[in-house]
Structure formats: C-alpha cells, structure tokens
Amino acid sequence: MAPSTSLSAIKAFLPASGSILLVRPNEAGVTKEDIVAVQSIFKPDHDVSIQLDSLLDSKTYTSDVIVYGAFGANPAIDYEVTQRVMKPGSLVVILDSSTNASLSVDLLINGFVEPKTVSDTITTARLTSHSLGAATTVIPAAAPKVWKLAGEDDDLDDLIDPDELLTEEDKTAPDKKTYTCGPKSEKKKACKNCSCGFAEELAGAPPPAVKSACGSCYLGDAFRCASCPYLGMPAFKPGESVKLAL
C-alpha cells in the first residue's frame, strides 16, 4: 500500500471538494482497515469511492479525480478505459516511483493534457474537456480574393502603349544606299577597299585568314578582346577554320 505521506501530498493538487475514485490493482491484498485509512485522508472534504482495476470498465463515473497507486503501484494502466469511463476534464493522479520519469510522456502520447511530474512519486494530468469520440464541424476559412492589377477596374491611362515606344525612324525601312559593300548593298558589289571579305567571295577566293591578337578567340566571348572578329560566335576548337557570316 502507498505510504500515507504520498497520499496526503496529493491533496495539494485536488480541488477543495468533489468526488475521488481510487483504483486498486486486483492482486493487492487490501484489508478493510486499509480502505478506511485511505478514505480518512480525503474525507470529509471529498466523497471517496474505490474500484478494482478489472471492473473499471463496467460503468461510467462522474468523479472529479481518479487516483492510481493508492493501494500499491498499478502494473498496467489502461489509458483508453480511463478516458472512456471518466467525465471530461477529470484530474488523473498516478503514484508510482518506478516509472515516474516516463509517465508524463506516456500520458501525453495517450491523449491526456497538462501532464506534470509534481514529485518523485506523483504525476498528474487531465482528461480533455471533450468526451472520447466527440466530433465537431470544421468551418473552412473564407477563400482568399484573387489578386488583380492595381487600377484594373479603374483608369487604365497610366499603362504604356507599346506602339508609342517606337519612333518614326524605327518604322522606316533601311535604305540600301547606306550599304556601300556586301550582299546587302544596292549594287551587290564590293567596294574599292573591301576588307570584309566580300570581294574575295565574289571572286570565288577564300576570305582572308583572321589573325588572333590574344590567342584566346576560340575559348568564347568571355576570353575575347573588345575588337575580336569572333565576337558573338560560339567557341570552337583551336586551329579550326571558322567562316565568318558577313
């Protein structure tokens, strides 16, 4: 049987009045004198009743507090039965010095709230304020409004007309007379001092070889000089003959 000092310590966590259910294990040798001694600790402030562990599931109780371990440690507490037979919000008190360290976690995992290890031998918790299996209607939150452009329904004068971005010069077709050499020129012939290779192309000769000033032209634009003739072209293998599209 649990020491009277531990039972007396429980009173600090109990309501000032109400009913208490003491659950005793089936194998505990409890005498009438033991029962009277335990009841005297809580009376006359509380109405005390006692039930065997194996008969706990036989009915529903309206006790404010349920106590395990008052007559010796309960070997196995059925948390589901406790939740089913006790009224919502009841206080659960467990006296057990051997597994006291892990009781708070066990109670939390099994659906109890506010688990507390109040001493080396006492752990408390509460049943939830709703009964086991209770259901409620979940009201979904209002759907968010679809975003829209500022002023979409108001004045659209602030929006830019893309046609206004073009100048009259942009709309004018290029004059072929401005090209004096190359295939785009009006006469489609090379100028007197042609250096773009079009004169050789018309003559059927290969274009003049382009000489690299830095030797890094083949690596790509990141390694080319500002005046490199290969600017804009993809990288190529060293020594590879590259034909410039002029």
Protein backbone atom coordinates (compact mmCIF):
# COMPACT_ATOMS: atom_id res chain seq x y z
CA MET A 1 0.00 0.00 0.00
CA ALA A 2 1.24 3.51 -0.80
CA PRO A 3 2.62 5.47 2.15
CA SER A 4 0.18 7.85 3.77
CA THR A 5 2.65 10.70 3.26
CA SER A 6 2.32 10.37 -0.53
CA LEU A 7 -1.46 10.21 -0.32
CA SER A 8 -1.54 13.29 1.89
CA ALA A 9 0.64 15.14 -0.64
CA ILE A 10 -1.99 14.53 -3.31
CA LYS A 11 -4.43 16.82 -1.51
CA ALA A 12 -2.37 19.84 -2.61
CA PHE A 13 -3.32 19.16 -6.25
CA LEU A 14 -7.01 18.35 -5.67
CA PRO A 15 -9.99 20.71 -5.84
CA ALA A 16 -11.28 21.87 -2.48
CA SER A 17 -14.21 19.49 -2.75
CA GLY A 18 -15.65 16.86 -5.07
CA SER A 19 -15.53 13.14 -5.65
CA ILE A 20 -12.46 10.88 -5.87
CA LEU A 21 -12.21 7.43 -7.45
CA LEU A 22 -9.37 5.24 -6.12
CA VAL A 23 -8.38 2.39 -8.47
CA ARG A 24 -6.66 -0.55 -6.78
CA PRO A 25 -4.93 -3.45 -8.55
CA ASN A 26 -6.62 -6.85 -8.47
CA GLU A 27 -3.72 -8.65 -6.81
CA ALA A 28 -3.23 -6.19 -3.97
CA GLY A 29 -4.05 -7.58 -0.56
CA VAL A 30 -6.17 -4.73 0.73
CA THR A 31 -7.91 -5.05 4.06
CA LYS A 32 -10.91 -3.18 5.37
CA GLU A 33 -8.60 -1.26 7.67
CA ASP A 34 -6.50 -0.15 4.64
CA ILE A 35 -9.59 1.17 2.90
CA VAL A 36 -10.75 3.07 5.98
CA ALA A 37 -7.25 4.55 6.43
CA VAL A 38 -7.09 5.80 2.84
CA GLN A 39 -10.62 7.20 2.90
CA SER A 40 -9.89 9.10 6.09
CA ILE A 41 -7.11 11.03 4.34
CA PHE A 42 -9.55 12.64 1.87
CA LYS A 43 -12.72 12.82 3.97
CA PRO A 44 -14.75 14.78 4.88
CA ASP A 45 -13.86 17.25 2.09
CA HIS A 46 -14.19 14.66 -0.69
CA ASP A 47 -16.53 11.80 -1.49
CA VAL A 48 -14.28 8.75 -1.91
CA SER A 49 -15.11 5.55 -3.82
CA ILE A 50 -12.93 2.53 -4.63
CA GLN A 51 -12.96 0.27 -7.68
CA LEU A 52 -10.99 -2.77 -8.79
CA ASP A 53 -8.82 -2.27 -11.88
CA SER A 54 -10.55 -5.16 -13.67
CA LEU A 55 -14.01 -3.68 -13.04
CA LEU A 56 -13.19 -0.11 -14.03
CA ASP A 57 -14.74 -0.56 -17.47
CA SER A 58 -18.04 -1.77 -16.06
CA LYS A 59 -19.68 1.67 -15.81
CA THR A 60 -19.22 5.38 -16.32
CA TYR A 61 -18.10 7.55 -13.41
CA THR A 62 -18.74 11.17 -12.54
CA SER A 63 -15.74 11.56 -10.24
CA ASP A 64 -13.68 14.72 -10.42
CA VAL A 65 -10.42 12.86 -9.71
CA ILE A 66 -9.17 9.36 -10.45
CA VAL A 67 -6.18 8.06 -8.47
CA TYR A 68 -3.94 5.14 -9.42
CA GLY A 69 -1.43 3.68 -6.94
CA ALA A 70 -3.17 4.47 -3.67
CA PHE A 71 -3.00 0.76 -2.71
CA GLY A 72 0.28 -0.05 -4.46
CA ALA A 73 1.52 0.56 -8.00
CA ASN A 74 -0.90 -0.46 -10.74
CA PRO A 75 1.01 -2.87 -13.02
CA ALA A 76 -0.66 -1.67 -16.22
CA ILE A 77 -2.89 1.39 -16.56
CA ASP A 78 -5.39 1.22 -19.41
CA TYR A 79 -5.44 4.84 -20.55
CA GLU A 80 -8.20 4.24 -23.09
CA VAL A 81 -10.54 2.85 -20.43
CA THR A 82 -9.72 5.79 -18.17
CA GLN A 83 -10.69 8.26 -20.89
CA ARG A 84 -13.86 6.35 -21.71
CA VAL A 85 -15.30 5.95 -18.20
CA MET A 86 -14.31 9.31 -16.65
CA LYS A 87 -16.07 12.60 -17.31
CA PRO A 88 -14.28 15.19 -19.49
CA GLY A 89 -11.79 17.39 -17.66
CA SER A 90 -11.23 14.94 -14.80
CA LEU A 91 -7.89 15.03 -12.98
CA VAL A 92 -5.73 11.90 -13.17
CA VAL A 93 -3.23 11.27 -10.37
CA ILE A 94 -0.70 8.42 -10.52
CA LEU A 95 1.53 7.32 -7.63
CA ASP A 96 4.42 5.26 -8.94
CA SER A 97 8.08 5.79 -8.08
CA SER A 98 9.42 3.15 -10.51
CA THR A 99 8.15 4.62 -13.81
CA ASN A 100 7.50 8.18 -12.69
CA ALA A 101 10.11 9.65 -15.09
CA SER A 102 8.30 8.44 -18.23
CA LEU A 103 4.68 8.84 -17.08
CA SER A 104 4.32 12.42 -18.35
CA VAL A 105 5.32 11.35 -21.86
CA ASP A 106 3.03 8.29 -21.73
CA LEU A 107 0.08 10.41 -20.65
CA LEU A 108 0.69 12.99 -23.39
CA ILE A 109 1.00 10.32 -26.09
CA ASN A 110 -2.24 8.69 -24.92
CA GLY A 111 -4.29 11.86 -25.29
CA PHE A 112 -4.13 13.48 -21.87
CA VAL A 113 -3.34 17.17 -21.42
CA GLU A 114 -1.26 19.16 -18.95
CA PRO A 115 0.93 16.25 -17.76
CA LYS A 116 3.09 17.22 -14.78
CA THR A 117 5.67 15.40 -12.67
CA VAL A 118 4.98 17.12 -9.37
CA SER A 119 7.28 14.96 -7.20
CA ASP A 120 9.38 11.80 -7.30
CA THR A 121 6.27 9.67 -6.81
CA ILE A 122 3.36 11.77 -8.13
CA THR A 123 2.37 12.54 -11.72
CA THR A 124 -0.81 14.37 -12.70
CA ALA A 125 -2.67 15.04 -15.94
CA ARG A 126 -6.16 15.92 -17.14
CA LEU A 127 -8.63 14.38 -19.50
CA THR A 128 -9.54 16.60 -22.40
CA SER A 129 -12.57 18.87 -22.00
CA HIS A 130 -14.42 16.90 -24.68
CA SER A 131 -15.60 13.31 -24.39
CA LEU A 132 -13.89 10.44 -26.20
CA GLY A 133 -15.10 10.21 -29.81
CA ALA A 134 -16.63 13.70 -29.83
CA ALA A 135 -16.98 15.41 -33.20
CA THR A 136 -17.41 18.97 -34.34
CA THR A 137 -17.97 20.81 -37.57
CA VAL A 138 -14.93 22.46 -39.11
CA ILE A 139 -15.81 25.72 -40.81
CA PRO A 140 -13.33 26.39 -43.63
CA ALA A 141 -11.74 29.78 -43.80
CA ALA A 142 -13.02 32.21 -46.41
CA ALA A 143 -11.36 31.80 -49.79
CA PRO A 144 -8.75 34.49 -50.43
CA LYS A 145 -9.57 37.12 -53.02
CA VAL A 146 -7.89 36.74 -56.40
CA TRP A 147 -5.21 39.35 -56.85
CA LYS A 148 -5.51 41.83 -59.70
CA LEU A 149 -3.51 44.67 -61.19
CA ALA A 150 -3.80 47.98 -59.42
CA GLY A 151 -6.36 50.08 -61.24
CA GLU A 152 -7.59 47.14 -63.32
CA ASP A 153 -11.19 48.21 -62.85
CA ASP A 154 -10.43 51.90 -62.76
CA ASP A 155 -8.46 54.22 -65.03
CA LEU A 156 -6.04 52.49 -67.44
CA ASP A 157 -4.48 55.74 -68.74
CA ASP A 158 -1.27 55.09 -66.78
CA LEU A 159 -0.47 51.96 -68.81
CA ILE A 160 2.13 52.44 -71.59
CA ASP A 161 1.10 51.88 -75.20
CA PRO A 162 3.85 49.70 -76.75
CA ASP A 163 3.36 51.40 -80.13
CA GLU A 164 4.42 54.70 -78.58
CA LEU A 165 7.84 53.24 -77.75
CA LEU A 166 8.71 53.16 -81.48
CA THR A 167 10.00 56.33 -83.13
CA GLU A 168 9.36 57.30 -86.75
CA GLU A 169 12.94 56.34 -87.53
CA ASP A 170 12.29 52.84 -86.17
CA LYS A 171 9.32 52.45 -88.51
CA THR A 172 11.33 53.46 -91.61
CA ALA A 173 12.79 50.64 -93.72
CA PRO A 174 16.61 50.79 -94.02
CA ASP A 175 17.95 52.48 -97.15
CA LYS A 176 20.10 50.11 -99.20
CA LYS A 177 22.16 53.11 -100.38
CA THR A 178 23.71 53.26 -96.96
CA TYR A 179 25.36 49.90 -97.64
CA THR A 180 28.35 50.51 -99.93
CA CYS A 181 29.70 46.96 -99.75
CA GLY A 182 28.45 43.46 -99.14
CA PRO A 183 25.45 41.37 -100.20
CA LYS A 184 23.02 43.90 -98.64
CA SER A 185 24.33 46.81 -100.70
CA GLU A 186 22.22 48.23 -103.54
CA LYS A 187 24.68 47.26 -106.31
CA LYS A 188 25.66 44.00 -104.56
CA LYS A 189 29.32 44.52 -105.29
CA ALA A 190 32.43 45.03 -103.25
CA CYS A 191 33.78 48.48 -102.59
CA LYS A 192 37.22 49.61 -103.77
CA ASN A 193 38.97 48.98 -100.46
CA CYS A 194 36.87 45.96 -99.36
CA SER A 195 38.14 44.48 -96.12
CA CYS A 196 35.10 42.43 -95.11
CA GLY A 197 35.88 39.52 -97.48
CA PHE A 198 33.01 40.19 -99.88
CA ALA A 199 35.44 40.95 -102.76
CA GLU A 200 37.08 37.55 -102.33
CA GLU A 201 33.66 35.90 -102.07
CA LEU A 202 32.62 37.41 -105.42
CA ALA A 203 35.91 36.33 -106.95
CA GLY A 204 35.48 32.80 -105.65
CA ALA A 205 38.60 33.07 -103.47
CA PRO A 206 38.60 32.13 -99.77
CA PRO A 207 38.20 35.04 -97.35
CA PRO A 208 41.39 36.36 -95.78
CA ALA A 209 42.54 34.50 -92.70
CA VAL A 210 41.70 36.22 -89.46
CA LYS A 211 44.65 36.52 -87.13
CA SER A 212 44.11 36.41 -83.39
CA ALA A 213 45.78 39.14 -81.34
CA CYS A 214 45.47 37.31 -77.99
CA GLY A 215 45.25 33.62 -78.92
CA SER A 216 42.09 33.15 -76.82
CA CYS A 217 39.47 33.69 -79.51
CA TYR A 218 38.49 30.01 -79.63
CA LEU A 219 37.52 29.99 -75.91
CA GLY A 220 34.41 32.16 -76.37
CA ASP A 221 33.29 35.74 -75.81
CA ALA A 222 34.36 35.75 -72.16
CA PHE A 223 38.03 35.50 -73.26
CA ARG A 224 37.91 37.67 -76.42
CA CYS A 225 39.14 41.23 -76.92
CA ALA A 226 36.72 44.10 -77.49
CA SER A 227 37.69 44.24 -81.19
CA CYS A 228 37.78 40.45 -81.72
CA PRO A 229 36.29 39.47 -85.11
CA TYR A 230 34.81 36.36 -83.48
CA LEU A 231 32.59 38.28 -81.01
CA GLY A 232 29.14 36.77 -80.86
CA MET A 233 30.24 33.43 -82.26
CA PRO A 234 30.31 30.20 -80.29
CA ALA A 235 33.57 28.73 -79.03
CA PHE A 236 35.48 26.46 -81.40
CA LYS A 237 38.44 24.10 -81.33
CA PRO A 238 41.96 25.55 -81.59
CA GLY A 239 43.12 25.60 -85.21
CA GLU A 240 39.61 25.01 -86.53
CA SER A 241 38.78 27.07 -89.63
CA VAL A 242 35.85 29.33 -88.79
CA LYS A 243 33.87 31.06 -91.51
CA LEU A 244 32.52 34.43 -90.57
CA ALA A 245 28.97 35.17 -91.79
CA LEU A 246 29.21 38.73 -93.03
